PDB file of N, CA and C in Angstrom:
ATOM      1  N   UNK A   1       0.845  -1.176   0.000  1.00  0.00           N
ATOM      2  CA  UNK A   1       0.000   0.000   0.000  1.00  0.00           C
ATOM      3  C   UNK A   1       0.892   1.243   0.000  1.00  0.00           C
ATOM      4  N   UNK A   2       0.654   2.166  -0.886  1.00  0.00           N
ATOM      5  CA  UNK A   2       1.442   3.389  -0.969  1.00  0.00           C
ATOM      6  C   UNK A   2       0.928   4.431   0.014  1.00  0.00           C
ATOM      7  N   UNK A   3       1.832   5.296   0.464  1.00  0.00           N
ATOM      8  CA  UNK A   3       1.432   6.414   1.310  1.00  0.00           C
ATOM      9  C   UNK A   3       0.749   7.470   0.451  1.00  0.00           C
ATOM     10  N   UNK A   4      -0.268   8.122   1.012  1.00  0.00           N
ATOM     11  CA  UNK A   4      -0.959   9.190   0.277  1.00  0.00           C
ATOM     12  C   UNK A   4      -0.913  10.521   1.014  1.00  0.00           C
ATOM     13  N   UNK A   5      -0.269  10.579   2.165  1.00  0.00           N
ATOM     14  CA  UNK A   5      -0.160  11.811   2.927  1.00  0.00           C
ATOM     15  C   UNK A   5      -1.243  11.988   3.967  1.00  0.00           C
ATOM     16  N   UNK A   6      -2.169  11.038   4.050  1.00  0.00           N
ATOM     17  CA  UNK A   6      -3.269  11.149   5.010  1.00  0.00           C
ATOM     18  C   UNK A   6      -3.185  10.073   6.095  1.00  0.00           C
ATOM     19  N   UNK A   7      -2.017   9.469   6.248  1.00  0.00           N
ATOM     20  CA  UNK A   7      -1.841   8.415   7.244  1.00  0.00           C
ATOM     21  C   UNK A   7      -1.847   9.006   8.644  1.00  0.00           C
ATOM     22  N   UNK A   8      -2.233   8.189   9.598  1.00  0.00           N
ATOM     23  CA  UNK A   8      -2.339   8.622  10.976  1.00  0.00           C
ATOM     24  C   UNK A   8      -3.795   8.812  11.341  1.00  0.00           C
ATOM     25  N   UNK A   9      -4.026   9.071  12.594  1.00  0.00           N
ATOM     26  CA  UNK A   9      -5.392   9.213  13.088  1.00  0.00           C
ATOM     27  C   UNK A   9      -5.402  10.257  14.179  1.00  0.00           C
ATOM     28  N   UNK A  10      -6.335  11.149  14.109  1.00  0.00           N
ATOM     29  CA  UNK A  10      -6.501  12.117  15.186  1.00  0.00           C
ATOM     30  C   UNK A  10      -7.133  11.402  16.364  1.00  0.00           C
ATOM     31  N   UNK A  11      -6.613  11.667  17.562  1.00  0.00           N
ATOM     32  CA  UNK A  11      -7.140  11.039  18.776  1.00  0.00           C
ATOM     33  C   UNK A  11      -7.614  12.126  19.730  1.00  0.00           C
ATOM     34  N   UNK A  12      -8.371  11.722  20.714  1.00  0.00           N
ATOM     35  CA  UNK A  12      -8.859  12.671  21.707  1.00  0.00           C
ATOM     36  C   UNK A  12      -7.779  12.919  22.754  1.00  0.00           C
ATOM     37  N   UNK A  13      -7.939  13.989  23.488  1.00  0.00           N
ATOM     38  CA  UNK A  13      -7.029  14.264  24.598  1.00  0.00           C
ATOM     39  C   UNK A  13      -7.116  13.155  25.636  1.00  0.00           C
ATOM     40  N   UNK A  14      -8.296  12.604  25.836  1.00  0.00           N
ATOM     41  CA  UNK A  14      -8.463  11.509  26.798  1.00  0.00           C
ATOM     42  C   UNK A  14      -7.621  10.304  26.388  1.00  0.00           C
ATOM     43  N   UNK A  15      -7.676   9.936  25.109  1.00  0.00           N
ATOM     44  CA  UNK A  15      -6.873   8.799  24.634  1.00  0.00           C
ATOM     45  C   UNK A  15      -5.384   9.098  24.759  1.00  0.00           C
ATOM     46  N   UNK A  16      -4.989  10.261  24.271  1.00  0.00           N
ATOM     47  CA  UNK A  16      -3.568  10.614  24.284  1.00  0.00           C
ATOM     48  C   UNK A  16      -3.029  10.701  25.707  1.00  0.00           C
ATOM     49  N   UNK A  17      -3.813  11.273  26.615  1.00  0.00           N
ATOM     50  CA  UNK A  17      -3.321  11.391  27.991  1.00  0.00           C
ATOM     51  C   UNK A  17      -3.230  10.030  28.664  1.00  0.00           C
ATOM     52  N   UNK A  18      -4.148   9.115  28.361  1.00  0.00           N
ATOM     53  CA  UNK A  18      -4.072   7.755  28.925  1.00  0.00           C
ATOM     54  C   UNK A  18      -2.819   7.044  28.424  1.00  0.00           C
ATOM     55  N   UNK A  19      -2.508   7.190  27.147  1.00  0.00           N
ATOM     56  CA  UNK A  19      -1.337   6.513  26.580  1.00  0.00           C
ATOM     57  C   UNK A  19      -0.035   7.111  27.108  1.00  0.00           C
ATOM     58  N   UNK A  20       0.024   8.444  27.224  1.00  0.00           N
ATOM     59  CA  UNK A  20       1.252   9.034  27.765  1.00  0.00           C
ATOM     60  C   UNK A  20       1.407   8.707  29.242  1.00  0.00           C
ATOM     61  N   UNK A  21       0.285   8.601  29.964  1.00  0.00           N
ATOM     62  CA  UNK A  21       0.351   8.186  31.370  1.00  0.00           C
ATOM     63  C   UNK A  21       0.856   6.750  31.481  1.00  0.00           C
ATOM     64  N   UNK A  22       0.376   5.859  30.624  1.00  0.00           N
ATOM     65  CA  UNK A  22       0.865   4.478  30.616  1.00  0.00           C
ATOM     66  C   UNK A  22       2.377   4.445  30.432  1.00  0.00           C
ATOM     67  N   UNK A  23       2.869   5.240  29.494  1.00  0.00           N
ATOM     68  CA  UNK A  23       4.306   5.277  29.237  1.00  0.00           C
ATOM     69  C   UNK A  23       5.063   5.823  30.440  1.00  0.00           C
ATOM     70  N   UNK A  24       4.581   6.928  31.010  1.00  0.00           N
ATOM     71  CA  UNK A  24       5.259   7.522  32.165  1.00  0.00           C
ATOM     72  C   UNK A  24       5.276   6.566  33.348  1.00  0.00           C
ATOM     73  N   UNK A  25       4.185   5.836  33.564  1.00  0.00           N
ATOM     74  CA  UNK A  25       4.132   4.867  34.668  1.00  0.00           C
ATOM     75  C   UNK A  25       5.112   3.724  34.458  1.00  0.00           C
ATOM     76  N   UNK A  26       5.260   3.283  33.216  1.00  0.00           N
ATOM     77  CA  UNK A  26       6.171   2.176  32.908  1.00  0.00           C
ATOM     78  C   UNK A  26       7.628   2.625  32.855  1.00  0.00           C
ATOM     79  N   UNK A  27       7.857   3.925  32.620  1.00  0.00           N
ATOM     80  CA  UNK A  27       9.213   4.458  32.437  1.00  0.00           C
ATOM     81  C   UNK A  27       9.373   5.767  33.210  1.00  0.00           C
ATOM     82  N   UNK A  28       9.270   5.729  34.531  1.00  0.00           N
ATOM     83  CA  UNK A  28       9.204   6.964  35.318  1.00  0.00           C
ATOM     84  C   UNK A  28      10.441   7.855  35.250  1.00  0.00           C
ATOM     85  N   UNK A  29      11.590   7.321  34.897  1.00  0.00           N
ATOM     86  CA  UNK A  29      12.800   8.142  34.860  1.00  0.00           C
ATOM     87  C   UNK A  29      13.231   8.509  33.440  1.00  0.00           C
ATOM     88  N   UNK A  30      12.448   8.116  32.448  1.00  0.00           N
ATOM     89  CA  UNK A  30      12.817   8.339  31.049  1.00  0.00           C
ATOM     90  C   UNK A  30      12.315   9.679  30.522  1.00  0.00           C
ATOM     91  N   UNK A  31      12.867  10.098  29.399  1.00  0.00           N
ATOM     92  CA  UNK A  31      12.396  11.280  28.686  1.00  0.00           C
ATOM     93  C   UNK A  31      10.951  11.031  28.265  1.00  0.00           C
ATOM     94  N   UNK A  32      10.106  12.035  28.437  1.00  0.00           N
ATOM     95  CA  UNK A  32       8.679  11.918  28.109  1.00  0.00           C
ATOM     96  C   UNK A  32       8.377  12.288  26.668  1.00  0.00           C
ATOM     97  N   UNK A  33       9.138  13.211  26.117  1.00  0.00           N
ATOM     98  CA  UNK A  33       8.831  13.747  24.796  1.00  0.00           C
ATOM     99  C   UNK A  33      10.051  14.476  24.245  1.00  0.00           C
ATOM    100  N   UNK A  34       9.977  14.818  22.972  1.00  0.00           N
ATOM    101  CA  UNK A  34      10.992  15.651  22.323  1.00  0.00           C
ATOM    102  C   UNK A  34      10.283  16.768  21.571  1.00  0.00           C
ATOM    103  N   UNK A  35      10.867  17.950  21.575  1.00  0.00           N
ATOM    104  CA  UNK A  35      10.351  19.077  20.808  1.00  0.00           C
ATOM    105  C   UNK A  35      11.264  19.325  19.620  1.00  0.00           C
ATOM    106  N   UNK A  36      10.653  19.525  18.445  1.00  0.00           N
ATOM    107  CA  UNK A  36      11.378  19.898  17.240  1.00  0.00           C
ATOM    108  C   UNK A  36      10.751  21.177  16.700  1.00  0.00           C
ATOM    109  N   UNK A  37      11.571  22.145  16.351  1.00  0.00           N
ATOM    110  CA  UNK A  37      11.078  23.419  15.851  1.00  0.00           C
ATOM    111  C   UNK A  37      10.440  23.300  14.468  1.00  0.00           C
ATOM    112  N   UNK A  38       9.526  24.212  14.187  1.00  0.00           N
ATOM    113  CA  UNK A  38       8.782  24.210  12.933  1.00  0.00           C
ATOM    114  C   UNK A  38       9.707  24.293  11.719  1.00  0.00           C
ATOM    115  N   UNK A  39      10.794  25.050  11.828  1.00  0.00           N
ATOM    116  CA  UNK A  39      11.697  25.183  10.684  1.00  0.00           C
ATOM    117  C   UNK A  39      12.373  23.863  10.341  1.00  0.00           C
ATOM    118  N   UNK A  40      12.737  23.089  11.370  1.00  0.00           N
ATOM    119  CA  UNK A  40      13.361  21.781  11.126  1.00  0.00           C
ATOM    120  C   UNK A  40      12.344  20.804  10.526  1.00  0.00           C
ATOM    121  N   UNK A  41      11.128  20.791  11.075  1.00  0.00           N
ATOM    122  CA  UNK A  41      10.089  19.898  10.545  1.00  0.00           C
ATOM    123  C   UNK A  41       9.755  20.274   9.101  1.00  0.00           C
ATOM    124  N   UNK A  42       9.615  21.581   8.848  1.00  0.00           N
ATOM    125  CA  UNK A  42       9.310  22.021   7.483  1.00  0.00           C
ATOM    126  C   UNK A  42      10.428  21.697   6.513  1.00  0.00           C
ATOM    127  N   UNK A  43      11.687  21.717   6.972  1.00  0.00           N
ATOM    128  CA  UNK A  43      12.795  21.377   6.068  1.00  0.00           C
ATOM    129  C   UNK A  43      12.682  19.937   5.581  1.00  0.00           C
ATOM    130  N   UNK A  44      12.158  19.061   6.420  1.00  0.00           N
ATOM    131  CA  UNK A  44      11.923  17.674   6.005  1.00  0.00           C
ATOM    132  C   UNK A  44      10.696  17.609   5.095  1.00  0.00           C
ATOM    133  N   UNK A  45       9.596  18.236   5.503  1.00  0.00           N
ATOM    134  CA  UNK A  45       8.342  18.153   4.752  1.00  0.00           C
ATOM    135  C   UNK A  45       8.405  18.813   3.382  1.00  0.00           C
ATOM    136  N   UNK A  46       9.240  19.813   3.206  1.00  0.00           N
ATOM    137  CA  UNK A  46       9.282  20.559   1.957  1.00  0.00           C
ATOM    138  C   UNK A  46      10.181  19.939   0.898  1.00  0.00           C
ATOM    139  N   UNK A  47      10.769  18.790   1.181  1.00  0.00           N
ATOM    140  CA  UNK A  47      11.586  18.107   0.183  1.00  0.00           C
ATOM    141  C   UNK A  47      10.679  17.522  -0.904  1.00  0.00           C
ATOM    142  N   UNK A  48      11.148  17.546  -2.109  1.00  0.00           N
ATOM    143  CA  UNK A  48      10.391  16.993  -3.230  1.00  0.00           C
ATOM    144  C   UNK A  48      10.087  15.523  -2.990  1.00  0.00           C
ATOM    145  N   UNK A  49       8.824  15.150  -3.118  1.00  0.00           N
ATOM    146  CA  UNK A  49       8.417  13.755  -3.010  1.00  0.00           C
ATOM    147  C   UNK A  49       8.049  13.287  -1.617  1.00  0.00           C
ATOM    148  N   UNK A  50       8.179  14.147  -0.614  1.00  0.00           N
ATOM    149  CA  UNK A  50       7.869  13.736   0.758  1.00  0.00           C
ATOM    150  C   UNK A  50       6.358  13.645   0.948  1.00  0.00           C
ATOM    151  N   UNK A  51       5.920  12.528   1.540  1.00  0.00           N
ATOM    152  CA  UNK A  51       4.509  12.333   1.865  1.00  0.00           C
ATOM    153  C   UNK A  51       4.260  12.442   3.361  1.00  0.00           C
ATOM    154  N   UNK A  52       5.318  12.475   4.155  1.00  0.00           N
ATOM    155  CA  UNK A  52       5.201  12.567   5.605  1.00  0.00           C
ATOM    156  C   UNK A  52       6.547  12.338   6.248  1.00  0.00           C
ATOM    157  N   UNK A  53       6.519  12.181   7.556  1.00  0.00           N
ATOM    158  CA  UNK A  53       7.747  11.978   8.329  1.00  0.00           C
ATOM    159  C   UNK A  53       7.633  10.667   9.092  1.00  0.00           C
ATOM    160  N   UNK A  54       8.695   9.894   9.057  1.00  0.00           N
ATOM    161  CA  UNK A  54       8.791   8.707   9.906  1.00  0.00           C
ATOM    162  C   UNK A  54       9.673   9.081  11.088  1.00  0.00           C
ATOM    163  N   UNK A  55       9.242   8.662  12.282  1.00  0.00           N
ATOM    164  CA  UNK A  55       9.971   8.926  13.521  1.00  0.00           C
ATOM    165  C   UNK A  55      10.594   7.613  13.986  1.00  0.00           C
ATOM    166  N   UNK A  56      11.907   7.601  14.096  1.00  0.00           N
ATOM    167  CA  UNK A  56      12.608   6.431  14.609  1.00  0.00           C
ATOM    168  C   UNK A  56      13.024   6.675  16.047  1.00  0.00           C
ATOM    169  N   UNK A  57      12.931   5.644  16.866  1.00  0.00           N
ATOM    170  CA  UNK A  57      13.483   5.692  18.213  1.00  0.00           C
ATOM    171  C   UNK A  57      14.973   5.435  18.092  1.00  0.00           C
ATOM    172  N   UNK A  58      15.744   6.198  18.837  1.00  0.00           N
ATOM    173  CA  UNK A  58      17.190   6.011  18.836  1.00  0.00           C
ATOM    174  C   UNK A  58      17.730   6.077  20.249  1.00  0.00           C
ATOM    175  N   UNK A  59      18.973   5.706  20.386  1.00  0.00           N
ATOM    176  CA  UNK A  59      19.651   5.800  21.675  1.00  0.00           C
ATOM    177  C   UNK A  59      21.082   6.222  21.431  1.00  0.00           C
ATOM    178  N   UNK A  60      21.462   7.312  22.057  1.00  0.00           N
ATOM    179  CA  UNK A  60      22.814   7.832  21.898  1.00  0.00           C
ATOM    180  C   UNK A  60      23.807   6.940  22.638  1.00  0.00           C
ATOM    181  N   UNK A  61      25.084   7.130  22.357  1.00  0.00           N
ATOM    182  CA  UNK A  61      26.132   6.307  22.979  1.00  0.00           C
ATOM    183  C   UNK A  61      26.095   6.369  24.495  1.00  0.00           C
ATOM    184  N   UNK A  62      25.633   7.496  25.061  1.00  0.00           N
ATOM    185  CA  UNK A  62      25.583   7.631  26.520  1.00  0.00           C
ATOM    186  C   UNK A  62      24.294   7.061  27.116  1.00  0.00           C
ATOM    187  N   UNK A  63      23.428   6.457  26.282  1.00  0.00           N
ATOM    188  CA  UNK A  63      22.198   5.833  26.755  1.00  0.00           C
ATOM    189  C   UNK A  63      20.963   6.703  26.657  1.00  0.00           C
ATOM    190  N   UNK A  64      21.118   7.982  26.326  1.00  0.00           N
ATOM    191  CA  UNK A  64      19.980   8.893  26.214  1.00  0.00           C
ATOM    192  C   UNK A  64      19.121   8.518  25.010  1.00  0.00           C
ATOM    193  N   UNK A  65      17.807   8.379  25.248  1.00  0.00           N
ATOM    194  CA  UNK A  65      16.878   8.086  24.154  1.00  0.00           C
ATOM    195  C   UNK A  65      16.640   9.341  23.325  1.00  0.00           C
ATOM    196  N   UNK A  66      16.417   9.144  22.028  1.00  0.00           N
ATOM    197  CA  UNK A  66      16.120  10.264  21.158  1.00  0.00           C
ATOM    198  C   UNK A  66      15.176   9.828  20.044  1.00  0.00           C
ATOM    199  N   UNK A  67      14.771  10.778  19.231  1.00  0.00           N
ATOM    200  CA  UNK A  67      13.960  10.509  18.051  1.00  0.00           C
ATOM    201  C   UNK A  67      14.722  10.989  16.830  1.00  0.00           C
ATOM    202  N   UNK A  68      14.616  10.237  15.753  1.00  0.00           N
ATOM    203  CA  UNK A  68      15.206  10.611  14.482  1.00  0.00           C
ATOM    204  C   UNK A  68      14.048  10.791  13.510  1.00  0.00           C
ATOM    205  N   UNK A  69      14.016  11.933  12.807  1.00  0.00           N
ATOM    206  CA  UNK A  69      12.960  12.239  11.852  1.00  0.00           C
ATOM    207  C   UNK A  69      13.527  12.161  10.446  1.00  0.00           C
ATOM    208  N   UNK A  70      12.819  11.460   9.568  1.00  0.00           N
ATOM    209  CA  UNK A  70      13.256  11.351   8.178  1.00  0.00           C
ATOM    210  C   UNK A  70      12.026  11.415   7.277  1.00  0.00           C
ATOM    211  N   UNK A  71      12.155  12.107   6.167  1.00  0.00           N
ATOM    212  CA  UNK A  71      11.069  12.156   5.199  1.00  0.00           C
ATOM    213  C   UNK A  71      10.837  10.784   4.592  1.00  0.00           C
ATOM    214  N   UNK A  72       9.581  10.536   4.224  1.00  0.00           N
ATOM    215  CA  UNK A  72       9.207   9.252   3.627  1.00  0.00           C
ATOM    216  C   UNK A  72       8.414   9.530   2.358  1.00  0.00           C
ATOM    217  N   UNK A  73       8.687   8.762   1.311  1.00  0.00           N
ATOM    218  CA  UNK A  73       8.017   9.003   0.033  1.00  0.00           C
ATOM    219  C   UNK A  73       6.746   8.174  -0.106  1.00  0.00           C
ATOM    220  N   UNK A  74       6.052   8.325  -1.219  1.00  0.00           N
ATOM    221  CA  UNK A  74       4.780   7.635  -1.450  1.00  0.00           C
ATOM    222  C   UNK A  74       4.936   6.122  -1.491  1.00  0.00           C
ATOM    223  N   UNK A  75       6.135   5.637  -1.804  1.00  0.00           N
ATOM    224  CA  UNK A  75       6.380   4.196  -1.863  1.00  0.00           C
ATOM    225  C   UNK A  75       6.779   3.617  -0.515  1.00  0.00           C
ATOM    226  N   UNK A  76       6.594   4.400   0.549  1.00  0.00           N
ATOM    227  CA  UNK A  76       6.862   3.983   1.926  1.00  0.00           C
ATOM    228  C   UNK A  76       8.349   3.897   2.250  1.00  0.00           C
ATOM    229  N   UNK A  77       9.187   4.526   1.410  1.00  0.00           N
ATOM    230  CA  UNK A  77      10.632   4.475   1.600  1.00  0.00           C
ATOM    231  C   UNK A  77      11.143   5.702   2.337  1.00  0.00           C
ATOM    232  N   UNK A  78      12.080   5.483   3.260  1.00  0.00           N
ATOM    233  CA  UNK A  78      12.765   6.592   3.909  1.00  0.00           C
ATOM    234  C   UNK A  78      13.631   7.305   2.880  1.00  0.00           C
ATOM    235  N   UNK A  79      13.631   8.617   2.935  1.00  0.00           N
ATOM    236  CA  UNK A  79      14.444   9.421   2.022  1.00  0.00           C
ATOM    237  C   UNK A  79      15.799   9.683   2.676  1.00  0.00           C
ATOM    238  N   UNK A  80      16.618   8.631   2.702  1.00  0.00           N
ATOM    239  CA  UNK A  80      17.876   8.654   3.447  1.00  0.00           C
ATOM    240  C   UNK A  80      18.934   9.559   2.826  1.00  0.00           C
ATOM    241  N   UNK A  81      18.731   9.996   1.594  1.00  0.00           N
ATOM    242  CA  UNK A  81      19.683  10.933   0.999  1.00  0.00           C
ATOM    243  C   UNK A  81      19.227  12.372   1.209  1.00  0.00           C
ATOM    244  N   UNK A  82      18.108  12.547   1.905  1.00  0.00           N
ATOM    245  CA  UNK A  82      17.591  13.878   2.194  1.00  0.00           C
ATOM    246  C   UNK A  82      17.965  14.330   3.596  1.00  0.00           C
ATOM    247  N   UNK A  83      17.163  15.232   4.130  1.00  0.00           N
ATOM    248  CA  UNK A  83      17.400  15.807   5.452  1.00  0.00           C
ATOM    249  C   UNK A  83      16.928  14.835   6.526  1.00  0.00           C
ATOM    250  N   UNK A  84      17.787  14.582   7.498  1.00  0.00           N
ATOM    251  CA  UNK A  84      17.453  13.749   8.653  1.00  0.00           C
ATOM    252  C   UNK A  84      17.673  14.605   9.897  1.00  0.00           C
ATOM    253  N   UNK A  85      16.691  14.633  10.795  1.00  0.00           N
ATOM    254  CA  UNK A  85      16.732  15.515  11.959  1.00  0.00           C
ATOM    255  C   UNK A  85      16.810  14.685  13.246  1.00  0.00           C
ATOM    256  N   UNK A  86      17.607  15.159  14.177  1.00  0.00           N
ATOM    257  CA  UNK A  86      17.705  14.591  15.522  1.00  0.00           C
ATOM    258  C   UNK A  86      17.994  15.749  16.465  1.00  0.00           C
ATOM    259  N   UNK A  87      18.259  15.463  17.694  1.00  0.00           N
ATOM    260  CA  UNK A  87      18.584  16.442  18.718  1.00  0.00           C
ATOM    261  C   UNK A  87      17.402  17.357  19.007  1.00  0.00           C
ATOM    262  N   UNK A  88      16.245  16.752  19.223  1.00  0.00           N
ATOM    263  CA  UNK A  88      15.117  17.513  19.718  1.00  0.00           C
ATOM    264  C   UNK A  88      15.369  17.916  21.164  1.00  0.00           C
ATOM    265  N   UNK A  89      14.595  18.845  21.646  1.00  0.00           N
ATOM    266  CA  UNK A  89      14.717  19.308  23.024  1.00  0.00           C
ATOM    267  C   UNK A  89      13.912  18.357  23.912  1.00  0.00           C
ATOM    268  N   UNK A  90      14.547  17.669  24.867  1.00  0.00           N
ATOM    269  CA  UNK A  90      13.830  16.674  25.663  1.00  0.00           C
ATOM    270  C   UNK A  90      12.965  17.284  26.766  1.00  0.00           C
ATOM    271  N   UNK A  91      11.920  16.557  27.090  1.00  0.00           N
ATOM    272  CA  UNK A  91      11.051  16.837  28.238  1.00  0.00           C
ATOM    273  C   UNK A  91      11.113  15.602  29.133  1.00  0.00           C
ATOM    274  N   UNK A  92      11.583  15.719  30.365  1.00  0.00           N
ATOM    275  CA  UNK A  92      12.122  16.921  30.949  1.00  0.00           C
ATOM    276  C   UNK A  92      13.483  17.252  30.344  1.00  0.00           C
ATOM    277  N   UNK A  93      13.874  18.414  30.333  1.00  0.00           N
ATOM    278  CA  UNK A  93      13.655  19.510  31.229  1.00  0.00           C
ATOM    279  C   UNK A  93      12.769  20.610  30.645  1.00  0.00           C
ATOM    280  N   UNK A  94      12.555  20.609  29.355  1.00  0.00           N
ATOM    281  CA  UNK A  94      11.713  21.640  28.720  1.00  0.00           C
ATOM    282  C   UNK A  94      10.351  21.036  28.400  1.00  0.00           C
ATOM    283  N   UNK A  95       9.436  21.062  29.382  1.00  0.00           N
ATOM    284  CA  UNK A  95       8.123  20.425  29.235  1.00  0.00           C
ATOM    285  C   UNK A  95       6.966  21.408  29.146  1.00  0.00           C
ATOM    286  N   UNK A  96       7.195  22.675  29.388  1.00  0.00           N
ATOM    287  CA  UNK A  96       6.092  23.627  29.429  1.00  0.00           C
ATOM    288  C   UNK A  96       5.277  23.444  30.699  1.00  0.00           C
ATOM    289  N   UNK A  97       4.077  23.994  30.699  1.00  0.00           N
ATOM    290  CA  UNK A  97       3.224  23.888  31.890  1.00  0.00           C
ATOM    291  C   UNK A  97       2.714  22.455  32.035  1.00  0.00           C
ATOM    292  N   UNK A  98       2.403  22.073  33.241  1.00  0.00           N
ATOM    293  CA  UNK A  98       1.858  20.747  33.528  1.00  0.00           C
ATOM    294  C   UNK A  98       0.507  20.621  32.837  1.00  0.00           C
ATOM    295  N   UNK A  99       0.319  19.503  32.130  1.00  0.00           N
ATOM    296  CA  UNK A  99      -0.948  19.236  31.455  1.00  0.00           C
ATOM    297  C   UNK A  99      -1.218  17.742  31.420  1.00  0.00           C
ATOM    298  N   UNK A 100      -2.295  17.330  30.791  1.00  0.00           N
ATOM    299  CA  UNK A 100      -2.697  15.923  30.769  1.00  0.00           C
ATOM    300  C   UNK A 100      -1.692  15.018  30.058  1.00  0.00           C
ATOM    301  N   UNK A 101      -0.878  15.573  29.177  1.00  0.00           N
ATOM    302  CA  UNK A 101       0.060  14.761  28.424  1.00  0.00           C
ATOM    303  C   UNK A 101       1.412  14.590  29.102  1.00  0.00           C
ATOM    304  N   UNK A 102       1.775  15.524  29.987  1.00  0.00           N
ATOM    305  CA  UNK A 102       3.119  15.467  30.538  1.00  0.00           C
ATOM    306  C   UNK A 102       3.206  15.301  32.053  1.00  0.00           C
ATOM    307  N   UNK A 103       2.061  15.127  32.720  1.00  0.00           N
ATOM    308  CA  UNK A 103       2.125  15.043  34.176  1.00  0.00           C
ATOM    309  C   UNK A 103       1.652  13.699  34.705  1.00  0.00           C
TER     310      UNK A 103
END
Protein backbone atom coordinates (compact mmCIF):
# COMPACT_ATOMS: atom_id res chain seq x y z
CA UNK A 1 0.00 0.00 0.00
CA UNK A 2 1.44 3.39 -0.97
CA UNK A 3 1.43 6.41 1.31
CA UNK A 4 -0.96 9.19 0.28
CA UNK A 5 -0.16 11.81 2.93
CA UNK A 6 -3.27 11.15 5.01
CA UNK A 7 -1.84 8.41 7.24
CA UNK A 8 -2.34 8.62 10.98
CA UNK A 9 -5.39 9.21 13.09
CA UNK A 10 -6.50 12.12 15.19
CA UNK A 11 -7.14 11.04 18.78
CA UNK A 12 -8.86 12.67 21.71
CA UNK A 13 -7.03 14.26 24.60
CA UNK A 14 -8.46 11.51 26.80
CA UNK A 15 -6.87 8.80 24.63
CA UNK A 16 -3.57 10.61 24.28
CA UNK A 17 -3.32 11.39 27.99
CA UNK A 18 -4.07 7.76 28.92
CA UNK A 19 -1.34 6.51 26.58
CA UNK A 20 1.25 9.03 27.77
CA UNK A 21 0.35 8.19 31.37
CA UNK A 22 0.87 4.48 30.62
CA UNK A 23 4.31 5.28 29.24
CA UNK A 24 5.26 7.52 32.17
CA UNK A 25 4.13 4.87 34.67
CA UNK A 26 6.17 2.18 32.91
CA UNK A 27 9.21 4.46 32.44
CA UNK A 28 9.20 6.96 35.32
CA UNK A 29 12.80 8.14 34.86
CA UNK A 30 12.82 8.34 31.05
CA UNK A 31 12.40 11.28 28.69
CA UNK A 32 8.68 11.92 28.11
CA UNK A 33 8.83 13.75 24.80
CA UNK A 34 10.99 15.65 22.32
CA UNK A 35 10.35 19.08 20.81
CA UNK A 36 11.38 19.90 17.24
CA UNK A 37 11.08 23.42 15.85
CA UNK A 38 8.78 24.21 12.93
CA UNK A 39 11.70 25.18 10.68
CA UNK A 40 13.36 21.78 11.13
CA UNK A 41 10.09 19.90 10.54
CA UNK A 42 9.31 22.02 7.48
CA UNK A 43 12.80 21.38 6.07
CA UNK A 44 11.92 17.67 6.01
CA UNK A 45 8.34 18.15 4.75
CA UNK A 46 9.28 20.56 1.96
CA UNK A 47 11.59 18.11 0.18
CA UNK A 48 10.39 16.99 -3.23
CA UNK A 49 8.42 13.75 -3.01
CA UNK A 50 7.87 13.74 0.76
CA UNK A 51 4.51 12.33 1.87
CA UNK A 52 5.20 12.57 5.61
CA UNK A 53 7.75 11.98 8.33
CA UNK A 54 8.79 8.71 9.91
CA UNK A 55 9.97 8.93 13.52
CA UNK A 56 12.61 6.43 14.61
CA UNK A 57 13.48 5.69 18.21
CA UNK A 58 17.19 6.01 18.84
CA UNK A 59 19.65 5.80 21.67
CA UNK A 60 22.81 7.83 21.90
CA UNK A 61 26.13 6.31 22.98
CA UNK A 62 25.58 7.63 26.52
CA UNK A 63 22.20 5.83 26.75
CA UNK A 64 19.98 8.89 26.21
CA UNK A 65 16.88 8.09 24.15
CA UNK A 66 16.12 10.26 21.16
CA UNK A 67 13.96 10.51 18.05
CA UNK A 68 15.21 10.61 14.48
CA UNK A 69 12.96 12.24 11.85
CA UNK A 70 13.26 11.35 8.18
CA UNK A 71 11.07 12.16 5.20
CA UNK A 72 9.21 9.25 3.63
CA UNK A 73 8.02 9.00 0.03
CA UNK A 74 4.78 7.63 -1.45
CA UNK A 75 6.38 4.20 -1.86
CA UNK A 76 6.86 3.98 1.93
CA UNK A 77 10.63 4.48 1.60
CA UNK A 78 12.77 6.59 3.91
CA UNK A 79 14.44 9.42 2.02
CA UNK A 80 17.88 8.65 3.45
CA UNK A 81 19.68 10.93 1.00
CA UNK A 82 17.59 13.88 2.19
CA UNK A 83 17.40 15.81 5.45
CA UNK A 84 17.45 13.75 8.65
CA UNK A 85 16.73 15.51 11.96
CA UNK A 86 17.70 14.59 15.52
CA UNK A 87 18.58 16.44 18.72
CA UNK A 88 15.12 17.51 19.72
CA UNK A 89 14.72 19.31 23.02
CA UNK A 90 13.83 16.67 25.66
CA UNK A 91 11.05 16.84 28.24
CA UNK A 92 12.12 16.92 30.95
CA UNK A 93 13.66 19.51 31.23
CA UNK A 94 11.71 21.64 28.72
CA UNK A 95 8.12 20.43 29.24
CA UNK A 96 6.09 23.63 29.43
CA UNK A 97 3.22 23.89 31.89
CA UNK A 98 1.86 20.75 33.53
CA UNK A 99 -0.95 19.24 31.45
CA UNK A 100 -2.70 15.92 30.77
CA UNK A 101 0.06 14.76 28.42
CA UNK A 102 3.12 15.47 30.54
CA UNK A 103 2.12 15.04 34.18
